[in-house]
């Protein structure tokens, strides 16, 4: 038929159809591309759903972690610690109390004298853990 800008003349008469749809190889290629696009779109949707589920699960786990950390901090700060619990550490527990161990223990506590007047906070304690922690024997 005769191709025109907006239609085709065929034995059936004038049609308001793009000539591209009459070309079978192009039509097949377009349908194939359309099918691939639809499959990709479905796959994308499933991936997006999975991502949303994972994000929600991650947020729930982060909240659980936050709650657990708060409980741990509360247990650590509210637990009843004895001044003698230091003797349960590996530096002292099940070891003979020697003059060297005694001196090590008393020197570490005597060091606190230099900090009289300082507020005892987590940062204060962390300072001693980082810079004045005795090596484990």
C-alpha atoms as a PDB file:
ATOM      1  CA  UNK A   1       0.000   0.000   0.000  1.00  0.00           C
ATOM      2  CA  UNK A   2       0.895   3.671  -0.148  1.00  0.00           C
ATOM      3  CA  UNK A   3       2.350   5.023   3.082  1.00  0.00           C
ATOM      4  CA  UNK A   4       1.160   8.389   4.293  1.00  0.00           C
ATOM      5  CA  UNK A   5       2.201  10.402   7.318  1.00  0.00           C
ATOM      6  CA  UNK A   6      -0.731   9.252   9.468  1.00  0.00           C
ATOM      7  CA  UNK A   7      -1.939   6.077   7.781  1.00  0.00           C
ATOM      8  CA  UNK A   8      -1.694   3.407   5.111  1.00  0.00           C
ATOM      9  CA  UNK A   9      -3.676   2.745   1.960  1.00  0.00           C
ATOM     10  CA  UNK A  10      -4.318  -0.959   1.526  1.00  0.00           C
ATOM     11  CA  UNK A  11      -6.827  -3.197  -0.213  1.00  0.00           C
ATOM     12  CA  UNK A  12      -9.118  -2.617   2.768  1.00  0.00           C
ATOM     13  CA  UNK A  13      -8.957   1.149   2.401  1.00  0.00           C
ATOM     14  CA  UNK A  14      -7.319   3.930   4.322  1.00  0.00           C
ATOM     15  CA  UNK A  15      -6.288   3.065   7.925  1.00  0.00           C
ATOM     16  CA  UNK A  16      -5.257   5.448  10.667  1.00  0.00           C
ATOM     17  CA  UNK A  17      -2.399   3.175  11.741  1.00  0.00           C
ATOM     18  CA  UNK A  18       1.306   3.828  11.912  1.00  0.00           C
ATOM     19  CA  UNK A  19       3.210   2.018   9.169  1.00  0.00           C
ATOM     20  CA  UNK A  20       5.564   0.530  11.812  1.00  0.00           C
ATOM     21  CA  UNK A  21       2.832  -1.850  12.989  1.00  0.00           C
ATOM     22  CA  UNK A  22       2.430  -3.296   9.513  1.00  0.00           C
ATOM     23  CA  UNK A  23       6.100  -4.253   9.364  1.00  0.00           C
ATOM     24  CA  UNK A  24       6.091  -7.720  10.979  1.00  0.00           C
ATOM     25  CA  UNK A  25       9.786  -7.874  12.076  1.00  0.00           C
ATOM     26  CA  UNK A  26       9.517  -4.470  13.756  1.00  0.00           C
ATOM     27  CA  UNK A  27       6.203  -5.430  15.359  1.00  0.00           C
ATOM     28  CA  UNK A  28       7.739  -8.621  16.740  1.00  0.00           C
ATOM     29  CA  UNK A  29      10.751  -6.728  18.028  1.00  0.00           C
ATOM     30  CA  UNK A  30       8.467  -4.168  19.697  1.00  0.00           C
ATOM     31  CA  UNK A  31       6.390  -6.927  21.317  1.00  0.00           C
ATOM     32  CA  UNK A  32       9.549  -8.685  22.502  1.00  0.00           C
ATOM     33  CA  UNK A  33      10.892  -5.433  23.941  1.00  0.00           C
ATOM     34  CA  UNK A  34       7.547  -4.768  25.593  1.00  0.00           C
ATOM     35  CA  UNK A  35       7.543  -8.266  27.139  1.00  0.00           C
ATOM     36  CA  UNK A  36      11.080  -7.782  28.451  1.00  0.00           C
ATOM     37  CA  UNK A  37      10.099  -4.399  29.883  1.00  0.00           C
ATOM     38  CA  UNK A  38       7.093  -5.951  31.626  1.00  0.00           C
ATOM     39  CA  UNK A  39       9.233  -8.772  33.076  1.00  0.00           C
ATOM     40  CA  UNK A  40      11.835  -6.263  34.225  1.00  0.00           C
ATOM     41  CA  UNK A  41       9.133  -4.077  35.759  1.00  0.00           C
ATOM     42  CA  UNK A  42       7.687  -7.066  37.674  1.00  0.00           C
ATOM     43  CA  UNK A  43      11.181  -8.034  38.843  1.00  0.00           C
ATOM     44  CA  UNK A  44      11.831  -4.439  39.910  1.00  0.00           C
ATOM     45  CA  UNK A  45       8.554  -4.396  41.845  1.00  0.00           C
ATOM     46  CA  UNK A  46       9.456  -7.652  43.657  1.00  0.00           C
ATOM     47  CA  UNK A  47      12.927  -6.296  44.421  1.00  0.00           C
ATOM     48  CA  UNK A  48      11.413  -3.084  45.754  1.00  0.00           C
ATOM     49  CA  UNK A  49       9.048  -5.099  47.981  1.00  0.00           C
ATOM     50  CA  UNK A  50      11.982  -7.147  49.262  1.00  0.00           C
ATOM     51  CA  UNK A  51      13.972  -3.977  49.939  1.00  0.00           C
ATOM     52  CA  UNK A  52      11.050  -2.473  51.839  1.00  0.00           C
ATOM     53  CA  UNK A  53      10.682  -5.659  53.902  1.00  0.00           C
ATOM     54  CA  UNK A  54      14.416  -5.692  54.624  1.00  0.00           C
ATOM     55  CA  UNK A  55      14.384  -2.005  55.550  1.00  0.00           C
ATOM     56  CA  UNK A  56      11.490  -2.582  57.947  1.00  0.00           C
ATOM     57  CA  UNK A  57      13.246  -5.590  59.488  1.00  0.00           C
ATOM     58  CA  UNK A  58      16.452  -3.571  59.838  1.00  0.00           C
ATOM     59  CA  UNK A  59      14.569  -0.766  61.589  1.00  0.00           C
ATOM     60  CA  UNK A  60      12.986  -3.276  63.980  1.00  0.00           C
ATOM     61  CA  UNK A  61      16.390  -4.831  64.726  1.00  0.00           C
ATOM     62  CA  UNK A  62      17.917  -1.390  65.258  1.00  0.00           C
ATOM     63  CA  UNK A  63      15.176  -0.610  67.791  1.00  0.00           C
ATOM     64  CA  UNK A  64      15.800  -3.943  69.531  1.00  0.00           C
ATOM     65  CA  UNK A  65      19.528  -3.210  69.595  1.00  0.00           C
ATOM     66  CA  UNK A  66      18.891   0.259  70.999  1.00  0.00           C
ATOM     67  CA  UNK A  67      16.626  -1.199  73.706  1.00  0.00           C
ATOM     68  CA  UNK A  68      19.168  -3.906  74.539  1.00  0.00           C
ATOM     69  CA  UNK A  69      21.966  -1.354  74.766  1.00  0.00           C
ATOM     70  CA  UNK A  70      19.839   0.768  77.095  1.00  0.00           C
ATOM     71  CA  UNK A  71      19.130  -2.267  79.274  1.00  0.00           C
ATOM     72  CA  UNK A  72      22.801  -3.171  79.318  1.00  0.00           C
ATOM     73  CA  UNK A  73      23.797   0.353  80.276  1.00  0.00           C
ATOM     74  CA  UNK A  74      21.157   0.395  82.994  1.00  0.00           C
ATOM     75  CA  UNK A  75      22.308  -2.982  84.323  1.00  0.00           C
ATOM     76  CA  UNK A  76      25.919  -1.848  84.274  1.00  0.00           C
ATOM     77  CA  UNK A  77      25.264   1.392  86.109  1.00  0.00           C
ATOM     78  CA  UNK A  78      22.624   0.084  88.495  1.00  0.00           C
ATOM     79  CA  UNK A  79      24.251  -3.207  89.374  1.00  0.00           C
ATOM     80  CA  UNK A  80      25.487  -3.566  92.892  1.00  0.00           C
ATOM     81  CA  UNK A  81      29.242  -3.629  92.604  1.00  0.00           C
ATOM     82  CA  UNK A  82      31.434  -4.219  95.554  1.00  0.00           C
ATOM     83  CA  UNK A  83      34.797  -2.575  95.908  1.00  0.00           C
ATOM     84  CA  UNK A  84      36.128  -6.122  96.129  1.00  0.00           C
ATOM     85  CA  UNK A  85      34.878  -7.108  92.655  1.00  0.00           C
ATOM     86  CA  UNK A  86      38.243  -5.967  91.292  1.00  0.00           C
ATOM     87  CA  UNK A  87      39.628  -9.144  92.822  1.00  0.00           C
ATOM     88  CA  UNK A  88      37.414 -11.144  90.430  1.00  0.00           C
ATOM     89  CA  UNK A  89      39.348  -9.850  87.412  1.00  0.00           C
ATOM     90  CA  UNK A  90      41.893 -12.093  85.739  1.00  0.00           C
ATOM     91  CA  UNK A  91      44.753 -10.005  87.163  1.00  0.00           C
ATOM     92  CA  UNK A  92      43.912 -11.177  90.697  1.00  0.00           C
ATOM     93  CA  UNK A  93      41.420 -14.040  90.697  1.00  0.00           C
ATOM     94  CA  UNK A  94      42.940 -17.428  91.591  1.00  0.00           C
ATOM     95  CA  UNK A  95      46.375 -15.908  91.978  1.00  0.00           C
ATOM     96  CA  UNK A  96      48.510 -15.630  95.068  1.00  0.00           C
ATOM     97  CA  UNK A  97      48.302 -12.121  96.463  1.00  0.00           C
ATOM     98  CA  UNK A  98      51.912 -11.068  96.293  1.00  0.00           C
ATOM     99  CA  UNK A  99      53.500  -7.783  97.249  1.00  0.00           C
ATOM    100  CA  UNK A 100      53.691  -6.916  93.520  1.00  0.00           C
ATOM    101  CA  UNK A 101      49.948  -7.527  93.028  1.00  0.00           C
ATOM    102  CA  UNK A 102      49.158  -5.537  96.159  1.00  0.00           C
ATOM    103  CA  UNK A 103      51.375  -2.650  95.020  1.00  0.00           C
ATOM    104  CA  UNK A 104      49.816  -2.695  91.553  1.00  0.00           C
ATOM    105  CA  UNK A 105      46.345  -2.541  93.086  1.00  0.00           C
ATOM    106  CA  UNK A 106      47.089   0.229  95.554  1.00  0.00           C
ATOM    107  CA  UNK A 107      49.003   2.338  93.023  1.00  0.00           C
ATOM    108  CA  UNK A 108      46.072   2.257  90.611  1.00  0.00           C
ATOM    109  CA  UNK A 109      43.726   3.526  93.323  1.00  0.00           C
ATOM    110  CA  UNK A 110      46.233   6.060  94.625  1.00  0.00           C
ATOM    111  CA  UNK A 111      46.321   7.564  91.114  1.00  0.00           C
ATOM    112  CA  UNK A 112      42.752   8.749  91.704  1.00  0.00           C
ATOM    113  CA  UNK A 113      44.045  11.264  94.238  1.00  0.00           C
ATOM    114  CA  UNK A 114      45.226  13.438  91.345  1.00  0.00           C
ATOM    115  CA  UNK A 115      41.599  13.663  90.150  1.00  0.00           C
ATOM    116  CA  UNK A 116      39.912  14.794  93.344  1.00  0.00           C
ATOM    117  CA  UNK A 117      37.187  17.294  92.383  1.00  0.00           C
ATOM    118  CA  UNK A 118      36.595  15.785  88.934  1.00  0.00           C
ATOM    119  CA  UNK A 119      33.081  14.539  88.137  1.00  0.00           C
ATOM    120  CA  UNK A 120      33.061  10.757  87.693  1.00  0.00           C
ATOM    121  CA  UNK A 121      31.317  10.155  84.359  1.00  0.00           C
ATOM    122  CA  UNK A 122      31.480   7.544  81.603  1.00  0.00           C
ATOM    123  CA  UNK A 123      34.135   9.669  79.916  1.00  0.00           C
ATOM    124  CA  UNK A 124      36.185   9.757  83.122  1.00  0.00           C
ATOM    125  CA  UNK A 125      35.967   5.967  83.455  1.00  0.00           C
ATOM    126  CA  UNK A 126      36.734   5.439  79.766  1.00  0.00           C
ATOM    127  CA  UNK A 127      39.846   7.616  80.165  1.00  0.00           C
ATOM    128  CA  UNK A 128      41.158   5.277  82.856  1.00  0.00           C
ATOM    129  CA  UNK A 129      40.243   2.215  80.815  1.00  0.00           C
ATOM    130  CA  UNK A 130      42.081   3.549  77.779  1.00  0.00           C
ATOM    131  CA  UNK A 131      45.152   5.151  79.336  1.00  0.00           C
ATOM    132  CA  UNK A 132      45.597   3.465  82.698  1.00  0.00           C
ATOM    133  CA  UNK A 133      44.345  -0.078  82.180  1.00  0.00           C
ATOM    134  CA  UNK A 134      46.748  -2.627  83.575  1.00  0.00           C
ATOM    135  CA  UNK A 135      47.824  -5.371  81.213  1.00  0.00           C
ATOM    136  CA  UNK A 136      46.158  -8.672  81.923  1.00  0.00           C
ATOM    137  CA  UNK A 137      48.634 -11.199  83.265  1.00  0.00           C
END
